[in-house]
Amino acid sequence: MGDRMNRKGIRQGFIALTLLMVLSLGVISAWEPLPAVNAQGGFVNIVSSKVSEAPNYALPGSESFWKMISSTNVPLAASVSPGGGHTPDVLVKSANDGFNIYVLFRWNDSVGSSFGSGSEIYTAPNGTLLPLNPEDTSQVNQLFYNSTYFYPDRVAMLWFLENATQRQQSPAMQLGSNGAITGGAAEIWHWQSVPTDNSPNDPDFPGGYTNPLGDAVFPPDNLSYAEDDYTNMTGFYVIAGSFGADTPNLNPYADPYIVHVGSYFSDTSKTWTVEMVRTFATSEASQYRIQLATGSSYYVAFAVWNGKLGESAHIKSVSQWYNLTVSNQPPPTSPAIPPSVGGVSATQAAVVGIGLLIVGAIAGITIRPKPRNTKR
């Protein structure tokens, strides 16, 4: 009798384990079609796969080829504490058509999308609210914000341009006093919910660019775009177009809208999706812009700002450096085989871990008819 009960318990335990494993895998597949590479430590490589489909700016991330490309889960950390660090990670993937590169970003924003357009202000030691200026940034580690005063949501991609031996291990993109990085030079593609997003919520689009004569210029097809910036060890600059004689850009004759963007915020999942697209090579302001080629690799880094939680200017969440390789090979024709626990995203690992803990508890209770101790 005891043996039959034990065998029955074992069968029940096996059934329970199988069902819970299926449930765990179902939760994972509902979260993301393909496994994310857990990109921690070293220079993890992000592969830009060759595709033939054009980007869909109206619904970024919906293009069929994205389903075949795995995300890289990029951990983020505060550039400045305590004000920064509100976004723990961002999912990144890349594709190209041989002439243009596409980069897709997706991250969670549980407080909801922000289209705040207020200028940055901070609380002085005496309690006075003051506008943030370049001279203050090295001392300010938290901005003022509340439920009615906040800042735009943003995401940026930094492309390292030169002097790799001077590249700091952690690209904090710390503005300091003048926006400089601590080594070399870089181009930054900087999308902002205000003023670079063609949305009814962005009253300042398209950001006030003019030509050298002072005439307003507009993006092609009224597309959203990423501000195109350049930074080195001496300062931070907007590359192209012009804001007028008082604020000249590095090349006022160059196109300021060269990085096209599609963006979407899901109120259901509280998730931002932003897709950036740019040509491999540029003829205008080429000394300030990354020039891409198939088969080559580049150092890249990422940053995300949560506007409703007081992140703006130098206060944000930033990544370590990554490699991005522009490939001429297509993505896999079928979804990749799920990797081991060490190669999944933190969310997926947590789901699997919790599922296995539950499985272990149920299996233990079922297989042992008379547990010696039921206390927890």
Protein backbone atom coordinates (compact mmCIF):
# COMPACT_ATOMS: atom_id res chain seq x y z
CA MET A 1 0.00 0.00 0.00
CA GLY A 2 2.80 2.38 0.98
CA ASP A 3 4.64 1.64 -2.27
CA ARG A 4 1.51 2.34 -4.32
CA MET A 5 0.99 5.63 -2.49
CA ASN A 6 4.60 6.59 -3.11
CA ARG A 7 4.35 5.74 -6.83
CA LYS A 8 1.11 7.69 -7.08
CA GLY A 9 2.72 10.64 -5.32
CA ILE A 10 5.67 10.52 -7.69
CA ARG A 11 3.35 10.53 -10.72
CA GLN A 12 1.41 13.47 -9.28
CA GLY A 13 4.62 15.32 -8.57
CA PHE A 14 5.86 14.74 -12.12
CA ILE A 15 2.57 16.00 -13.57
CA ALA A 16 2.69 19.08 -11.35
CA LEU A 17 6.29 19.76 -12.30
CA THR A 18 5.52 19.43 -16.02
CA LEU A 19 2.49 21.72 -15.82
CA LEU A 20 4.39 24.38 -13.91
CA MET A 21 7.33 24.24 -16.31
CA VAL A 22 4.91 24.74 -19.22
CA LEU A 23 3.30 27.64 -17.33
CA SER A 24 6.68 29.23 -16.69
CA LEU A 25 7.69 28.95 -20.34
CA GLY A 26 4.32 30.37 -21.37
CA VAL A 27 4.86 33.43 -19.21
CA ILE A 28 8.31 33.94 -20.77
CA SER A 29 7.06 33.66 -24.35
CA ALA A 30 4.26 36.13 -23.58
CA TRP A 31 6.84 38.63 -22.31
CA GLU A 32 9.17 38.49 -25.31
CA PRO A 33 9.15 36.46 -28.56
CA LEU A 34 12.89 35.72 -28.42
CA PRO A 35 15.30 35.28 -25.53
CA ALA A 36 17.38 38.29 -24.58
CA VAL A 37 21.12 38.05 -24.26
CA ASN A 38 22.14 38.85 -20.69
CA ALA A 39 24.75 41.48 -21.50
CA GLN A 40 26.85 41.94 -18.40
CA GLY A 41 30.60 42.34 -18.18
CA GLY A 42 33.09 42.82 -20.99
CA PHE A 43 32.24 44.21 -24.39
CA VAL A 44 29.17 42.19 -25.36
CA ASN A 45 28.53 42.12 -29.10
CA ILE A 46 25.22 43.32 -30.60
CA VAL A 47 24.82 42.04 -34.16
CA SER A 48 22.98 44.17 -36.72
CA SER A 49 21.43 41.57 -39.05
CA LYS A 50 20.84 42.18 -42.76
CA VAL A 51 17.14 42.56 -43.70
CA SER A 52 15.19 43.73 -46.72
CA GLU A 53 12.11 45.23 -45.08
CA ALA A 54 11.79 48.98 -44.59
CA PRO A 55 11.22 50.48 -41.13
CA ASN A 56 7.66 51.17 -40.01
CA TYR A 57 7.82 54.55 -38.30
CA ALA A 58 4.08 54.50 -37.57
CA LEU A 59 4.39 51.31 -35.50
CA PRO A 60 8.06 50.75 -34.60
CA GLY A 61 9.03 47.23 -33.66
CA SER A 62 6.14 45.71 -35.65
CA GLU A 63 8.29 44.86 -38.69
CA SER A 64 8.41 41.10 -39.22
CA PHE A 65 12.21 40.88 -39.12
CA TRP A 66 12.39 42.08 -35.51
CA LYS A 67 10.69 38.84 -34.42
CA MET A 68 13.70 36.90 -35.68
CA ILE A 69 16.34 39.04 -33.90
CA SER A 70 17.13 38.50 -30.24
CA SER A 71 17.24 41.46 -27.87
CA THR A 72 20.30 42.30 -25.83
CA ASN A 73 19.31 43.11 -22.26
CA VAL A 74 21.47 46.12 -21.39
CA PRO A 75 21.72 46.88 -17.64
CA LEU A 76 21.70 50.57 -16.70
CA ALA A 77 22.97 52.40 -13.65
CA ALA A 78 22.70 55.94 -12.28
CA SER A 79 24.99 58.49 -13.90
CA VAL A 80 24.44 60.62 -10.77
CA SER A 81 22.91 59.62 -7.44
CA PRO A 82 20.43 59.99 -5.92
CA GLY A 83 18.62 61.64 -8.83
CA GLY A 84 19.44 59.13 -11.57
CA GLY A 85 19.10 55.40 -12.13
CA HIS A 86 15.31 54.99 -12.37
CA THR A 87 15.48 52.69 -15.43
CA PRO A 88 17.26 49.41 -14.59
CA ASP A 89 17.65 48.11 -18.16
CA VAL A 90 16.79 48.61 -21.82
CA LEU A 91 16.31 45.96 -24.52
CA VAL A 92 18.30 46.72 -27.68
CA LYS A 93 18.34 45.09 -31.14
CA SER A 94 19.69 46.16 -34.50
CA ALA A 95 19.13 45.45 -38.19
CA ASN A 96 20.32 46.98 -41.46
CA ASP A 97 19.42 46.92 -45.16
CA GLY A 98 22.99 47.38 -46.39
CA PHE A 99 22.58 51.16 -46.59
CA ASN A 100 20.74 52.14 -43.40
CA ILE A 101 21.07 50.91 -39.84
CA TYR A 102 18.04 50.39 -37.60
CA VAL A 103 18.30 50.30 -33.81
CA LEU A 104 15.28 49.32 -31.69
CA PHE A 105 14.97 50.23 -28.00
CA ARG A 106 12.33 48.98 -25.56
CA TRP A 107 12.14 49.77 -21.86
CA ASN A 108 9.62 49.83 -19.04
CA ASP A 109 8.31 53.12 -17.66
CA SER A 110 5.88 52.21 -14.89
CA VAL A 111 4.94 55.83 -14.09
CA GLY A 112 3.78 56.41 -17.66
CA SER A 113 4.99 58.44 -20.61
CA SER A 114 6.22 61.95 -19.95
CA PHE A 115 6.07 64.92 -22.33
CA GLY A 116 7.16 67.49 -19.79
CA SER A 117 8.85 70.49 -21.32
CA GLY A 118 9.88 72.46 -18.27
CA SER A 119 13.44 73.73 -17.96
CA GLU A 120 15.60 71.91 -15.41
CA ILE A 121 15.52 73.37 -11.92
CA TYR A 122 17.06 72.23 -8.66
CA THR A 123 16.79 73.03 -4.97
CA ALA A 124 19.68 75.09 -3.62
CA PRO A 125 21.00 74.36 -0.08
CA ASN A 126 18.93 77.30 1.24
CA GLY A 127 15.75 75.80 -0.27
CA THR A 128 15.52 78.19 -3.22
CA LEU A 129 14.59 76.74 -6.63
CA LEU A 130 17.20 77.68 -9.24
CA PRO A 131 17.50 77.00 -12.99
CA LEU A 132 20.18 74.47 -13.87
CA ASN A 133 23.09 75.88 -15.85
CA PRO A 134 26.35 74.28 -17.06
CA GLU A 135 28.33 75.71 -14.18
CA ASP A 136 26.06 73.97 -11.65
CA THR A 137 25.91 70.47 -13.12
CA SER A 138 29.01 69.16 -11.38
CA GLN A 139 27.44 69.96 -7.99
CA VAL A 140 23.80 69.06 -8.71
CA ASN A 141 22.86 65.39 -8.27
CA GLN A 142 19.07 65.72 -8.09
CA LEU A 143 16.53 67.90 -9.91
CA PHE A 144 13.30 69.31 -8.57
CA TYR A 145 10.14 67.55 -9.76
CA ASN A 146 6.61 66.78 -8.58
CA SER A 147 3.32 65.54 -10.03
CA THR A 148 2.88 68.64 -12.16
CA TYR A 149 6.46 69.66 -12.93
CA PHE A 150 8.66 67.10 -14.68
CA TYR A 151 10.80 66.52 -17.76
CA PRO A 152 10.68 64.71 -21.13
CA ASP A 153 11.35 61.01 -21.51
CA ARG A 154 14.50 60.33 -23.56
CA VAL A 155 16.77 57.63 -24.93
CA ALA A 156 20.24 58.12 -26.42
CA MET A 157 22.82 56.02 -28.23
CA LEU A 158 26.47 57.04 -28.06
CA TRP A 159 28.89 56.00 -30.86
CA PHE A 160 32.56 56.22 -29.94
CA LEU A 161 34.53 57.91 -32.73
CA GLU A 162 38.24 57.95 -31.87
CA ASN A 163 41.05 57.47 -29.39
CA ALA A 164 39.91 54.05 -28.19
CA THR A 165 42.86 53.92 -25.77
CA GLN A 166 41.30 56.86 -23.92
CA ARG A 167 37.83 55.34 -23.78
CA GLN A 168 36.69 55.11 -20.16
CA GLN A 169 35.29 51.72 -19.13
CA SER A 170 31.99 53.22 -17.94
CA PRO A 171 30.61 55.80 -20.42
CA ALA A 172 28.72 57.79 -17.80
CA MET A 173 27.97 60.54 -20.32
CA GLN A 174 28.41 62.81 -17.34
CA LEU A 175 27.95 66.41 -18.38
CA GLY A 176 30.15 67.81 -15.64
CA SER A 177 30.51 71.51 -16.30
CA ASN A 178 30.56 71.55 -20.09
CA GLY A 179 29.18 68.26 -21.43
CA ALA A 180 32.56 66.70 -22.19
CA ILE A 181 33.33 62.99 -21.95
CA THR A 182 36.52 61.94 -20.22
CA GLY A 183 38.25 60.44 -23.25
CA GLY A 184 38.05 60.62 -27.04
CA ALA A 185 35.01 61.83 -28.97
CA ALA A 186 31.55 60.47 -29.72
CA GLU A 187 28.38 61.08 -31.69
CA ILE A 188 25.11 60.86 -29.75
CA TRP A 189 21.69 60.09 -31.25
CA HIS A 190 19.34 61.64 -28.72
CA TRP A 191 15.56 61.10 -28.99
CA GLN A 192 13.39 63.23 -26.70
CA SER A 193 9.64 63.06 -26.22
CA VAL A 194 9.90 66.88 -26.38
CA PRO A 195 10.91 68.45 -28.80
CA THR A 196 11.93 65.72 -31.30
CA ASP A 197 8.81 63.54 -31.35
CA ASN A 198 6.01 64.23 -33.81
CA SER A 199 3.25 63.63 -31.29
CA PRO A 200 0.25 65.75 -30.28
CA ASN A 201 1.80 65.68 -26.80
CA ASP A 202 4.95 67.42 -28.07
CA PRO A 203 4.05 71.09 -28.55
CA ASP A 204 7.64 72.10 -29.41
CA PHE A 205 8.22 69.73 -32.36
CA PRO A 206 10.38 70.04 -34.47
CA GLY A 207 12.71 71.85 -32.10
CA GLY A 208 13.37 75.23 -33.69
CA TYR A 209 16.01 74.44 -36.31
CA THR A 210 16.67 77.03 -39.00
CA ASN A 211 19.06 77.36 -41.91
CA PRO A 212 21.87 79.97 -41.76
CA LEU A 213 19.47 82.54 -43.20
CA GLY A 214 17.08 82.05 -40.29
CA ASP A 215 14.41 80.21 -42.29
CA ALA A 216 12.72 77.30 -40.46
CA VAL A 217 13.62 73.80 -41.65
CA PHE A 218 11.50 70.70 -41.13
CA PRO A 219 12.13 66.93 -41.04
CA PRO A 220 11.22 64.83 -44.12
CA ASP A 221 7.63 63.62 -44.08
CA ASN A 222 7.30 65.34 -40.69
CA LEU A 223 9.01 62.35 -39.05
CA SER A 224 10.15 62.21 -35.47
CA TYR A 225 13.92 62.37 -35.20
CA ALA A 226 16.85 62.09 -32.80
CA GLU A 227 18.91 65.16 -32.05
CA ASP A 228 22.39 64.63 -33.51
CA ASP A 229 25.09 65.66 -31.03
CA TYR A 230 28.88 65.56 -30.76
CA THR A 231 30.90 65.40 -27.58
CA ASN A 232 34.62 65.31 -26.84
CA MET A 233 36.92 66.18 -23.95
CA THR A 234 36.21 69.90 -24.29
CA GLY A 235 32.44 70.14 -24.65
CA PHE A 236 29.05 69.02 -25.94
CA TYR A 237 27.62 70.36 -29.22
CA VAL A 238 24.61 70.03 -31.52
CA ILE A 239 26.05 69.05 -34.90
CA ALA A 240 23.77 70.30 -37.67
CA GLY A 241 21.30 73.02 -38.55
CA SER A 242 21.13 76.26 -36.66
CA PHE A 243 19.30 77.74 -33.70
CA GLY A 244 20.20 81.26 -34.76
CA ALA A 245 23.28 83.45 -34.68
CA ASP A 246 23.52 83.38 -30.88
CA THR A 247 23.75 79.59 -30.71
CA PRO A 248 25.63 78.34 -33.80
CA ASN A 249 25.87 74.59 -34.36
CA LEU A 250 29.03 72.84 -35.57
CA ASN A 251 27.73 72.77 -39.15
CA PRO A 252 24.69 75.02 -39.67
CA TYR A 253 24.39 73.92 -43.32
CA ALA A 254 24.09 70.19 -42.54
CA ASP A 255 20.77 68.33 -42.20
CA PRO A 256 19.74 68.22 -38.51
CA TYR A 257 17.14 65.50 -39.16
CA ILE A 258 19.43 62.74 -40.43
CA VAL A 259 18.47 60.27 -37.64
CA HIS A 260 14.84 59.30 -38.27
CA VAL A 261 12.70 57.88 -35.45
CA GLY A 262 9.48 56.02 -34.85
CA SER A 263 8.19 55.88 -31.27
CA TYR A 264 5.29 54.35 -29.38
CA PHE A 265 4.25 54.13 -25.74
CA SER A 266 1.98 51.30 -24.61
CA ASP A 267 -0.31 52.34 -21.78
CA THR A 268 -1.14 48.66 -21.27
CA SER A 269 2.40 47.38 -20.69
CA LYS A 270 3.87 50.77 -19.64
CA THR A 271 6.60 50.32 -22.23
CA TRP A 272 8.38 52.71 -24.57
CA THR A 273 9.44 51.46 -28.02
CA VAL A 274 11.75 53.73 -30.02
CA GLU A 275 13.32 52.88 -33.39
CA MET A 276 16.21 54.97 -34.77
CA VAL A 277 17.29 54.82 -38.42
CA ARG A 278 20.26 56.45 -40.16
CA THR A 279 22.27 55.96 -43.34
CA PHE A 280 25.57 54.12 -42.99
CA ALA A 281 27.61 57.07 -44.30
CA THR A 282 27.05 60.82 -44.34
CA SER A 283 28.51 63.44 -46.67
CA GLU A 284 27.58 66.36 -44.40
CA ALA A 285 29.46 66.95 -41.13
CA SER A 286 31.12 63.57 -41.61
CA GLN A 287 33.97 64.40 -39.20
CA TYR A 288 31.44 64.58 -36.36
CA ARG A 289 29.32 61.56 -37.34
CA ILE A 290 29.99 57.84 -37.19
CA GLN A 291 30.61 56.33 -40.64
CA LEU A 292 29.40 52.73 -40.79
CA ALA A 293 30.40 49.83 -43.04
CA THR A 294 29.34 46.21 -43.36
CA GLY A 295 31.64 43.85 -41.48
CA SER A 296 32.89 46.49 -39.07
CA SER A 297 32.35 46.81 -35.30
CA TYR A 298 31.84 49.93 -33.22
CA TYR A 299 31.82 50.85 -29.53
CA VAL A 300 28.34 51.97 -28.43
CA ALA A 301 26.64 52.90 -25.17
CA PHE A 302 23.09 53.77 -24.13
CA ALA A 303 21.19 56.09 -21.78
CA VAL A 304 17.55 56.45 -20.72
CA TRP A 305 15.88 59.36 -18.87
CA ASN A 306 12.65 58.98 -16.88
CA GLY A 307 11.14 62.45 -17.01
CA LYS A 308 8.36 61.98 -14.46
CA LEU A 309 10.91 60.80 -11.89
CA GLY A 310 13.06 63.89 -12.26
CA GLU A 311 15.70 62.74 -14.74
CA SER A 312 17.01 65.25 -17.26
CA ALA A 313 20.30 66.79 -18.42
CA HIS A 314 23.19 64.85 -16.82
CA ILE A 315 20.90 62.87 -14.47
CA LYS A 316 19.86 59.59 -16.10
CA SER A 317 20.50 55.82 -16.35
CA VAL A 318 23.53 54.75 -18.38
CA SER A 319 25.16 51.56 -19.67
CA GLN A 320 28.64 50.16 -20.01
CA TRP A 321 30.27 49.95 -23.46
CA TYR A 322 29.13 47.37 -26.04
CA ASN A 323 30.31 46.31 -29.48
CA LEU A 324 27.89 46.66 -32.38
CA THR A 325 28.80 44.66 -35.50
CA VAL A 326 27.19 45.49 -38.85
CA SER A 327 26.58 42.12 -40.53
CA ASN A 328 25.67 41.21 -44.10
CA GLN A 329 24.01 38.00 -42.87
CA PRO A 330 20.24 37.72 -42.39
CA PRO A 331 18.72 36.87 -39.02
CA PRO A 332 17.83 33.23 -38.29
CA THR A 333 14.87 31.93 -40.27
CA SER A 334 13.31 30.55 -37.09
CA PRO A 335 13.32 31.71 -33.48
CA ALA A 336 16.53 30.98 -31.62
CA ILE A 337 16.71 28.09 -29.15
CA PRO A 338 16.25 29.48 -25.62
CA PRO A 339 19.65 29.82 -23.97
CA SER A 340 20.71 28.56 -20.56
CA VAL A 341 19.82 30.49 -17.41
CA GLY A 342 23.08 32.45 -17.72
CA GLY A 343 21.99 33.75 -21.12
CA VAL A 344 18.44 34.94 -20.48
CA SER A 345 17.22 38.30 -19.39
CA ALA A 346 16.85 39.07 -15.70
CA THR A 347 13.06 38.99 -16.02
CA GLN A 348 13.05 35.61 -17.72
CA ALA A 349 15.50 34.16 -15.20
CA ALA A 350 13.31 35.42 -12.36
CA VAL A 351 10.20 33.83 -13.89
CA VAL A 352 11.97 30.50 -14.39
CA GLY A 353 13.48 30.67 -10.91
CA ILE A 354 10.15 31.37 -9.24
CA GLY A 355 8.51 28.65 -11.31
CA LEU A 356 11.15 26.11 -10.27
CA LEU A 357 10.85 27.10 -6.62
CA ILE A 358 7.10 26.52 -6.77
CA VAL A 359 7.65 23.23 -8.62
CA GLY A 360 10.13 22.10 -5.97
CA ALA A 361 7.76 22.94 -3.15
CA ILE A 362 4.80 21.17 -4.72
CA ALA A 363 6.86 18.16 -5.78
CA GLY A 364 8.31 17.87 -2.28
CA ILE A 365 4.91 18.00 -0.61
CA THR A 366 3.35 15.55 -3.08
CA ILE A 367 6.11 12.95 -3.13
CA ARG A 368 6.48 12.85 0.64
CA PRO A 369 3.09 11.73 2.07
CA LYS A 370 4.21 12.40 5.62
CA PRO A 371 6.64 15.33 5.74
CA ARG A 372 8.60 15.51 8.94
CA ASN A 373 8.22 19.24 9.34
CA THR A 374 5.65 21.45 7.67
CA LYS A 375 6.90 24.71 9.15
CA ARG A 376 8.19 27.39 6.77
